[in-house]
Amino acid sequence: MSNDTCNDLLSPAGLRRLRVDRSPHLRAQMAANVGTLLQDGELSPREREYALSIVAILARHVALDVRRAVAEHVKHCAILPQSIARTLANDVESVALPILRHSAALSDDDLIEIVRRANEAKCIAVAERPSVAAPVSDALVRTGRRPVVCAVLKNPGATIGEPTYERILDDFGTDREVQTLLVDRSVLPPNVAERLIEVVCAALRERLRARHFVPRPLSDAIVDHGREQALIMTVPSQMPAPAMVPLIARLRAKGTLTPSLLLRAACIGKLSFLAAGLAALSGMKLDRAEALIQEGGGDGFAALYRRAKLPQSLFPAFRIALDIAREVRAARPVGWHERDTLRIIQGWVQVYDDLPPAHFETVLSHLTRRTIDPAHAGMGVGSPDAAA
C-alpha cells in the first residue's frame, strides 16, 4: 500500500469519508486496508490512533461482511485494544471465530467468560489457539462437550492441569478416541497415566475374553503385564522420589504396587520410583530408603528388602538389577540402552539355573512366576536372609 493511500486513509479526511460513505463494500475494503496497515506495524502514533478509531467503528457496523472483514484482518494485530477484541469475539460465529482462534488481545479471563456461555464452534476455536493456559483448558473441558475436549487434547499448545485430566477421564475415560488422544499427549501426570492404563487394559481384557475365549486368570495376567510395562514407561526418569509418593500411594491402595512393577523400575534405572515404592512398603523414611538404594545391593538394601516383605526368590534379581542400574546412572544420568537391559538378563541367567536367556519380557515373566509357584519359591541364591 502506498504512502499516499496510507496518508489519505489514516487522517481526519479518512474518518469523514467513513462517516459519509456508508457503502458496505467500501467499508469492507477499508477494514482490509486498515488491518494490513496495522499488521505492518510501521505507523506513527497518530496514524495508529486513526487506524484503531476506524477499526472500532467498523467492528460495530450493521453489515456482516464489514464486521467479518474487520475480524479477519485484525486477528493477528498485536496492538488491537481488548475492548474491540471482546466486541468481535462476542459477535456471530463468522466474525468471532478468527478472533477467538488467534487474537492475543483477549485475556484468559475473557476466554473463560466466553467459553462459559459460547456455543460449541466458539469453544473449539478457543481450544485451537496456539497457546491455551491451564485455566482456559479447564473451562473448555468443563463444558462437557466431547468435540471441545478432543480439540483441547489435540492441541500441543494447550496446557492441561492434572485435575483437568482427571475430569476428562471421569467424563470420557471409556471413549476410544479420547483415550488415544490422551496417550498421544507429550506428557501425562503419572497418576493420570496409571488411571488411563487401567481403563484401556480393562477394555483389552474384555476383548480377549470375548473374542478368543481366554481364561480369566490368563487374561488378567496378560493385562497386568502390559499395564505395568506401560505405566513404568510413563514415569519420568528425572522425577525425584518425593514427587513419586502420590502415585505410589495410589498404586499401593489399589494393590498394584507389585514386586514385578518395582523390579521393572530397577531394570530401566528408575531408582526414584524404586525408592519410593520400597519406602512405602517397608514403612521406612523415604530419604533413608534412597540412601540404602544408592549404597547398592549390600546388607542395607537386604534389610530394606526384608522390611518391604518382597518375595525372597526375587531378591537376587533385584540386587543384580540395582547394581547395574547404579553403575549406568553414575556414568549416564539420562537415557537407558538395550545393552544395559541385556547385562541384567545375563546376570539373572547366571544366578537362576532354570531361567532361559530370552527377551526381557519373557525372562521377567519366568522370574515373577516364582512368586506364585511353590516349586520356585525357595530362598534362591543371595536371598536377603542369606545377605543378613
Protein backbone atom coordinates (compact mmCIF):
# COMPACT_ATOMS: atom_id res chain seq x y z
CA MET A 1 0.00 0.00 0.00
CA SER A 2 1.42 3.39 -1.00
CA ASN A 3 2.24 6.14 1.47
CA ASP A 4 -0.33 8.38 -0.24
CA THR A 5 -3.06 5.82 0.34
CA CYS A 6 -1.97 5.47 3.94
CA ASN A 7 -1.96 9.24 4.47
CA ASP A 8 -5.39 9.58 2.87
CA LEU A 9 -6.93 6.77 4.91
CA LEU A 10 -5.40 7.44 8.32
CA SER A 11 -6.36 11.08 8.63
CA PRO A 12 -9.33 13.28 9.56
CA ALA A 13 -10.36 13.07 5.89
CA GLY A 14 -10.40 9.28 6.09
CA LEU A 15 -12.65 9.35 9.14
CA ARG A 16 -15.01 11.85 7.44
CA ARG A 17 -15.21 9.64 4.38
CA LEU A 18 -16.05 6.67 6.60
CA ARG A 19 -18.94 8.56 8.18
CA VAL A 20 -20.29 9.92 4.89
CA ASP A 21 -19.97 6.89 2.60
CA ARG A 22 -21.86 4.02 4.25
CA SER A 23 -21.36 1.54 1.42
CA PRO A 24 -20.66 -1.90 2.90
CA HIS A 25 -18.30 -2.66 0.02
CA LEU A 26 -16.23 0.46 0.70
CA ARG A 27 -16.16 -0.24 4.43
CA ALA A 28 -15.13 -3.85 3.95
CA GLN A 29 -12.29 -2.68 1.73
CA MET A 30 -11.35 -0.06 4.29
CA ALA A 31 -11.28 -2.74 7.00
CA ALA A 32 -8.90 -4.80 4.89
CA ASN A 33 -6.63 -1.82 4.22
CA VAL A 34 -6.53 -0.69 7.84
CA GLY A 35 -5.91 -4.23 9.02
CA THR A 36 -2.97 -4.54 6.64
CA LEU A 37 -1.51 -1.27 7.87
CA LEU A 38 -1.82 -2.37 11.50
CA GLN A 39 -0.19 -5.69 10.69
CA ASP A 40 2.79 -3.95 9.07
CA GLY A 41 3.47 -2.15 12.34
CA GLU A 42 5.12 0.87 10.69
CA LEU A 43 2.57 3.50 11.66
CA SER A 44 3.25 6.66 13.58
CA PRO A 45 1.44 7.08 16.91
CA ARG A 46 -1.03 9.44 15.24
CA GLU A 47 -1.69 7.05 12.33
CA ARG A 48 -2.14 4.16 14.77
CA GLU A 49 -4.73 6.20 16.64
CA TYR A 50 -6.69 6.85 13.44
CA ALA A 51 -6.42 3.20 12.38
CA LEU A 52 -7.80 1.93 15.67
CA SER A 53 -10.60 4.50 15.59
CA ILE A 54 -11.63 3.19 12.17
CA VAL A 55 -11.49 -0.41 13.40
CA ALA A 56 -13.66 0.48 16.43
CA ILE A 57 -16.31 1.99 14.14
CA LEU A 58 -16.26 -0.86 11.63
CA ALA A 59 -16.37 -3.54 14.36
CA ARG A 60 -19.91 -2.35 15.17
CA HIS A 61 -21.08 -1.94 11.59
CA VAL A 62 -24.52 -3.30 10.78
CA ALA A 63 -23.28 -5.17 7.69
CA LEU A 64 -21.99 -8.66 8.47
CA ASP A 65 -19.46 -8.58 5.61
CA VAL A 66 -17.84 -5.50 7.12
CA ARG A 67 -17.50 -6.99 10.61
CA ARG A 68 -16.23 -10.23 9.12
CA ALA A 69 -13.59 -8.33 7.14
CA VAL A 70 -12.52 -6.45 10.28
CA ALA A 71 -12.12 -9.65 12.30
CA GLU A 72 -10.17 -11.43 9.58
CA HIS A 73 -7.74 -8.57 9.08
CA VAL A 74 -7.06 -7.70 12.73
CA LYS A 75 -6.94 -11.23 14.20
CA HIS A 76 -3.13 -11.09 14.38
CA CYS A 77 -2.90 -7.40 15.31
CA ALA A 78 -0.56 -7.06 18.30
CA ILE A 79 -1.98 -3.69 19.36
CA LEU A 80 -5.68 -4.45 18.99
CA PRO A 81 -7.47 -2.97 22.03
CA GLN A 82 -9.07 -5.52 24.31
CA SER A 83 -12.45 -3.78 24.03
CA ILE A 84 -12.55 -4.24 20.26
CA ALA A 85 -11.41 -7.86 20.55
CA ARG A 86 -14.21 -8.53 23.04
CA THR A 87 -16.78 -6.95 20.74
CA LEU A 88 -15.73 -9.11 17.82
CA ALA A 89 -15.39 -12.26 19.94
CA ASN A 90 -18.97 -11.92 21.13
CA ASP A 91 -20.32 -11.46 17.60
CA VAL A 92 -21.79 -14.20 15.38
CA GLU A 93 -19.56 -17.18 14.55
CA SER A 94 -18.18 -15.97 11.22
CA VAL A 95 -16.96 -12.79 12.90
CA ALA A 96 -15.90 -14.25 16.24
CA LEU A 97 -14.01 -17.38 15.21
CA PRO A 98 -10.87 -15.71 13.75
CA ILE A 99 -10.55 -13.56 16.88
CA LEU A 100 -11.17 -16.45 19.27
CA ARG A 101 -8.68 -18.63 17.45
CA HIS A 102 -5.86 -16.09 17.09
CA SER A 103 -6.17 -12.75 18.88
CA ALA A 104 -3.71 -12.13 21.71
CA ALA A 105 -5.82 -9.16 22.82
CA LEU A 106 -8.17 -11.48 24.72
CA SER A 107 -7.07 -12.31 28.25
CA ASP A 108 -7.51 -15.71 29.87
CA ASP A 109 -10.38 -14.25 31.91
CA ASP A 110 -12.02 -13.06 28.68
CA LEU A 111 -11.69 -16.51 27.14
CA ILE A 112 -13.05 -18.28 30.23
CA GLU A 113 -16.07 -15.98 30.33
CA ILE A 114 -16.72 -16.53 26.61
CA VAL A 115 -16.38 -20.31 26.94
CA ARG A 116 -18.93 -20.44 29.76
CA ARG A 117 -21.68 -19.10 27.51
CA ALA A 118 -20.44 -19.87 23.99
CA ASN A 119 -21.65 -22.48 21.56
CA GLU A 120 -19.57 -25.47 20.52
CA ALA A 121 -17.94 -23.83 17.48
CA LYS A 122 -16.67 -20.91 19.53
CA CYS A 123 -15.33 -23.21 22.24
CA ILE A 124 -13.47 -25.26 19.65
CA ALA A 125 -11.94 -22.06 18.24
CA VAL A 126 -10.63 -21.19 21.70
CA ALA A 127 -9.29 -24.73 22.11
CA GLU A 128 -7.36 -24.35 18.84
CA ARG A 129 -5.45 -21.22 19.88
CA PRO A 130 -1.65 -21.53 19.54
CA SER A 131 -1.36 -21.35 23.32
CA VAL A 132 -4.08 -22.25 25.80
CA ALA A 133 -3.46 -21.68 29.51
CA ALA A 134 -4.42 -24.35 32.05
CA PRO A 135 -7.43 -22.41 33.46
CA VAL A 136 -8.82 -21.95 29.96
CA SER A 137 -8.32 -25.63 29.17
CA ASP A 138 -10.18 -26.48 32.36
CA ALA A 139 -13.08 -24.20 31.40
CA LEU A 140 -13.26 -25.85 28.00
CA VAL A 141 -13.30 -29.36 29.49
CA ARG A 142 -15.99 -28.30 31.97
CA THR A 143 -18.37 -27.62 29.07
CA GLY A 144 -18.74 -31.41 28.86
CA ARG A 145 -18.74 -31.24 25.06
CA ARG A 146 -16.82 -34.14 23.58
CA PRO A 147 -15.66 -32.30 20.39
CA VAL A 148 -14.35 -29.47 22.58
CA VAL A 149 -12.46 -31.88 24.83
CA CYS A 150 -10.96 -33.59 21.78
CA ALA A 151 -9.88 -30.21 20.37
CA VAL A 152 -8.07 -29.39 23.64
CA LEU A 153 -6.30 -32.76 23.67
CA LYS A 154 -5.26 -32.42 20.02
CA ASN A 155 -3.61 -29.05 20.68
CA PRO A 156 0.06 -29.42 21.71
CA GLY A 157 -0.02 -25.78 22.81
CA ALA A 158 -2.76 -26.43 25.39
CA THR A 159 -1.56 -26.70 28.97
CA ILE A 160 -3.70 -29.17 30.90
CA GLY A 161 -3.54 -29.49 34.68
CA GLU A 162 -3.83 -32.80 36.49
CA PRO A 163 -7.35 -32.08 37.87
CA THR A 164 -8.49 -31.34 34.32
CA TYR A 165 -7.03 -34.62 33.09
CA GLU A 166 -8.87 -36.36 35.93
CA ARG A 167 -12.13 -34.72 34.84
CA ILE A 168 -11.57 -35.89 31.26
CA LEU A 169 -11.09 -39.45 32.49
CA ASP A 170 -14.18 -39.19 34.70
CA ASP A 171 -16.36 -37.96 31.84
CA PHE A 172 -14.83 -39.65 28.77
CA GLY A 173 -12.49 -42.35 30.10
CA THR A 174 -14.15 -45.13 28.08
CA ASP A 175 -14.19 -43.17 24.82
CA ARG A 176 -11.65 -44.74 22.45
CA GLU A 177 -10.81 -41.50 20.62
CA VAL A 178 -10.30 -39.64 23.88
CA GLN A 179 -8.12 -42.49 25.17
CA THR A 180 -5.98 -42.29 22.03
CA LEU A 181 -5.64 -38.51 22.29
CA LEU A 182 -4.62 -38.81 25.95
CA VAL A 183 -2.00 -41.41 25.10
CA ASP A 184 -0.64 -39.15 22.35
CA ARG A 185 -0.08 -36.18 24.69
CA SER A 186 3.63 -35.46 25.08
CA VAL A 187 3.45 -35.56 28.89
CA LEU A 188 0.92 -37.05 31.28
CA PRO A 189 0.99 -36.83 35.09
CA PRO A 190 1.88 -40.28 36.47
CA ASN A 191 -1.44 -40.63 38.32
CA VAL A 192 -3.34 -39.86 35.13
CA ALA A 193 -1.22 -42.27 33.12
CA GLU A 194 -1.90 -45.01 35.67
CA ARG A 195 -5.67 -44.41 35.52
CA LEU A 196 -5.62 -44.36 31.74
CA ILE A 197 -3.69 -47.60 31.52
CA GLU A 198 -6.19 -49.22 33.85
CA VAL A 199 -9.15 -48.17 31.71
CA VAL A 200 -7.51 -49.20 28.45
CA CYS A 201 -6.47 -52.53 29.92
CA ALA A 202 -9.99 -53.22 31.17
CA ALA A 203 -11.24 -52.88 27.61
CA LEU A 204 -8.44 -55.11 26.35
CA ARG A 205 -9.31 -57.73 28.96
CA GLU A 206 -12.92 -57.90 27.78
CA ARG A 207 -11.85 -58.19 24.14
CA LEU A 208 -9.51 -61.06 24.98
CA ARG A 209 -12.22 -62.94 26.80
CA ALA A 210 -14.96 -62.33 24.28
CA ARG A 211 -13.02 -62.88 21.07
CA HIS A 212 -10.54 -65.57 21.98
CA PHE A 213 -12.17 -67.40 24.91
CA VAL A 214 -9.15 -66.69 27.08
CA PRO A 215 -9.50 -67.88 30.70
CA ARG A 216 -9.88 -65.09 33.22
CA PRO A 217 -6.61 -65.72 35.17
CA LEU A 218 -4.58 -65.73 31.98
CA SER A 219 -6.22 -62.63 30.54
CA ASP A 220 -5.75 -60.83 33.87
CA ALA A 221 -2.06 -61.75 33.86
CA ILE A 222 -1.63 -60.54 30.27
CA VAL A 223 -3.34 -57.26 31.01
CA ASP A 224 -1.44 -56.70 34.26
CA HIS A 225 1.82 -57.41 32.43
CA GLY A 226 1.00 -54.80 29.77
CA ARG A 227 -0.30 -52.31 32.33
CA GLU A 228 2.89 -52.44 34.36
CA GLN A 229 5.08 -52.07 31.29
CA ALA A 230 3.09 -49.08 30.05
CA LEU A 231 2.91 -47.48 33.49
CA ILE A 232 6.61 -47.60 34.27
CA MET A 233 7.43 -46.12 30.85
CA THR A 234 5.30 -43.05 31.64
CA VAL A 235 7.22 -42.27 34.83
CA PRO A 236 9.84 -39.58 34.06
CA SER A 237 13.37 -40.80 34.75
CA GLN A 238 14.38 -37.50 36.35
CA MET A 239 11.34 -37.17 38.64
CA PRO A 240 12.57 -37.02 42.26
CA ALA A 241 11.37 -39.64 44.71
CA PRO A 242 9.17 -37.25 46.79
CA ALA A 243 7.18 -36.45 43.64
CA MET A 244 6.53 -40.18 43.20
CA VAL A 245 4.84 -40.52 46.57
CA PRO A 246 1.22 -39.74 45.47
CA LEU A 247 1.45 -42.23 42.60
CA ILE A 248 3.00 -44.88 44.86
CA ALA A 249 0.23 -44.36 47.44
CA ARG A 250 -2.42 -44.75 44.78
CA LEU A 251 -0.85 -47.93 43.43
CA ARG A 252 -0.46 -49.40 46.90
CA ALA A 253 -4.08 -48.62 47.83
CA LYS A 254 -5.23 -50.46 44.73
CA GLY A 255 -2.94 -53.42 45.31
CA THR A 256 -0.95 -52.80 42.12
CA LEU A 257 2.39 -51.87 43.70
CA THR A 258 3.70 -55.32 42.80
CA PRO A 259 7.18 -56.84 43.04
CA SER A 260 7.28 -57.11 39.23
CA LEU A 261 6.48 -53.39 38.85
CA LEU A 262 9.29 -52.43 41.24
CA LEU A 263 11.67 -54.81 39.51
CA ARG A 264 10.80 -53.20 36.17
CA ALA A 265 11.69 -49.81 37.63
CA ALA A 266 15.09 -51.10 38.73
CA CYS A 267 15.69 -52.68 35.31
CA ILE A 268 15.40 -49.36 33.46
CA GLY A 269 17.21 -47.20 36.00
CA LYS A 270 14.16 -45.51 37.55
CA LEU A 271 15.60 -45.68 41.03
CA SER A 272 13.47 -42.87 42.46
CA PHE A 273 10.35 -44.93 41.75
CA LEU A 274 12.00 -47.97 43.33
CA ALA A 275 12.98 -45.98 46.44
CA ALA A 276 9.51 -44.51 46.88
CA GLY A 277 7.93 -47.93 46.43
CA LEU A 278 10.20 -49.71 48.90
CA ALA A 279 9.82 -46.89 51.42
CA ALA A 280 6.02 -47.21 51.24
CA LEU A 281 6.06 -51.00 51.60
CA SER A 282 8.67 -51.06 54.39
CA GLY A 283 7.48 -48.08 56.41
CA MET A 284 10.98 -46.64 56.21
CA LYS A 285 11.55 -42.93 55.71
CA LEU A 286 11.99 -42.04 52.05
CA ASP A 287 15.38 -40.38 52.41
CA ARG A 288 16.71 -43.44 54.27
CA ALA A 289 15.38 -45.80 51.60
CA GLU A 290 17.04 -43.66 48.91
CA ALA A 291 20.34 -43.77 50.78
CA LEU A 292 20.25 -47.57 51.06
CA ILE A 293 19.50 -47.92 47.36
CA GLN A 294 22.35 -45.58 46.48
CA GLU A 295 24.67 -47.71 48.63
CA GLY A 296 23.91 -50.67 46.37
CA GLY A 297 22.80 -54.25 46.84
CA GLY A 298 24.56 -54.89 50.14
CA ASP A 299 23.34 -55.51 53.68
CA GLY A 300 21.46 -52.22 53.92
CA PHE A 301 19.44 -52.95 50.79
CA ALA A 302 18.82 -56.50 52.02
CA ALA A 303 17.34 -55.10 55.25
CA LEU A 304 15.14 -52.69 53.29
CA TYR A 305 14.01 -55.54 51.04
CA ARG A 306 13.09 -57.72 54.04
CA ARG A 307 11.09 -54.92 55.67
CA ALA A 308 9.19 -54.40 52.40
CA LYS A 309 8.19 -58.11 52.56
CA LEU A 310 9.01 -58.73 48.91
CA PRO A 311 9.45 -62.35 47.72
CA GLN A 312 12.73 -63.90 48.77
CA SER A 313 13.02 -65.62 45.39
CA LEU A 314 13.30 -62.26 43.62
CA PHE A 315 15.99 -60.75 45.83
CA PRO A 316 18.89 -61.83 43.57
CA ALA A 317 17.09 -60.34 40.58
CA PHE A 318 16.63 -57.02 42.41
CA ARG A 319 20.24 -57.00 43.60
CA ILE A 320 21.65 -57.60 40.11
CA ALA A 321 19.34 -55.02 38.51
CA LEU A 322 20.16 -52.44 41.19
CA ASP A 323 23.93 -52.90 40.92
CA ILE A 324 23.85 -52.45 37.13
CA ALA A 325 21.37 -49.56 37.29
CA ARG A 326 23.55 -47.68 39.79
CA GLU A 327 26.59 -48.21 37.58
CA VAL A 328 24.72 -46.98 34.50
CA ARG A 329 23.28 -43.94 36.27
CA ALA A 330 26.73 -42.97 37.57
CA ALA A 331 28.03 -42.93 34.01
CA ARG A 332 24.85 -41.77 32.26
CA PRO A 333 22.23 -39.89 34.35
CA VAL A 334 19.78 -39.75 31.44
CA GLY A 335 18.86 -42.49 28.99
CA TRP A 336 18.72 -46.26 29.10
CA HIS A 337 20.10 -48.54 26.39
CA GLU A 338 19.15 -52.03 25.31
CA ARG A 339 22.63 -53.22 26.20
CA ASP A 340 22.01 -52.18 29.81
CA THR A 341 18.97 -54.44 29.98
CA LEU A 342 20.91 -57.23 28.29
CA ARG A 343 23.53 -57.07 31.06
CA ILE A 344 20.79 -57.52 33.66
CA ILE A 345 19.34 -60.52 31.82
CA GLN A 346 22.79 -62.09 31.59
CA GLY A 347 23.25 -61.63 35.32
CA TRP A 348 19.89 -63.23 36.04
CA VAL A 349 20.64 -66.24 33.82
CA GLN A 350 23.88 -66.86 35.71
CA VAL A 351 22.11 -66.84 39.08
CA TYR A 352 18.86 -68.65 38.24
CA ASP A 353 19.69 -72.05 36.76
CA ASP A 354 16.28 -72.64 35.16
CA LEU A 355 15.98 -69.18 33.56
CA PRO A 356 16.20 -69.15 29.74
CA PRO A 357 18.19 -66.37 28.02
CA ALA A 358 15.42 -64.62 26.11
CA HIS A 359 13.65 -61.30 25.55
CA PHE A 360 13.34 -59.19 28.69
CA GLU A 361 9.55 -59.58 28.97
CA THR A 362 9.86 -63.36 28.67
CA VAL A 363 12.59 -63.55 31.27
CA LEU A 364 10.67 -61.29 33.65
CA SER A 365 7.57 -63.46 33.26
CA HIS A 366 9.60 -66.54 34.20
CA LEU A 367 11.03 -64.73 37.20
CA THR A 368 7.73 -63.43 38.54
CA ARG A 369 6.11 -66.86 38.31
CA ARG A 370 8.38 -67.74 41.24
CA THR A 371 6.25 -65.51 43.46
CA ILE A 372 3.18 -67.70 42.94
CA ASP A 373 4.67 -71.11 42.07
CA PRO A 374 5.64 -73.05 45.24
CA ALA A 375 8.14 -75.11 43.24
CA HIS A 376 10.21 -71.98 42.64
CA ALA A 377 9.57 -70.01 45.81
CA GLY A 378 12.67 -71.02 47.68
CA MET A 379 15.30 -68.76 49.12
CA GLY A 380 17.33 -68.63 45.96
CA VAL A 381 20.94 -67.62 45.62
CA GLY A 382 21.78 -64.49 47.56
CA SER A 383 18.43 -64.14 49.34
CA PRO A 384 18.02 -61.19 51.74
CA ASP A 385 18.19 -63.60 54.68
CA ALA A 386 21.44 -65.02 53.36
CA ALA A 387 22.75 -61.48 52.94
CA ALA A 388 21.87 -60.52 56.50
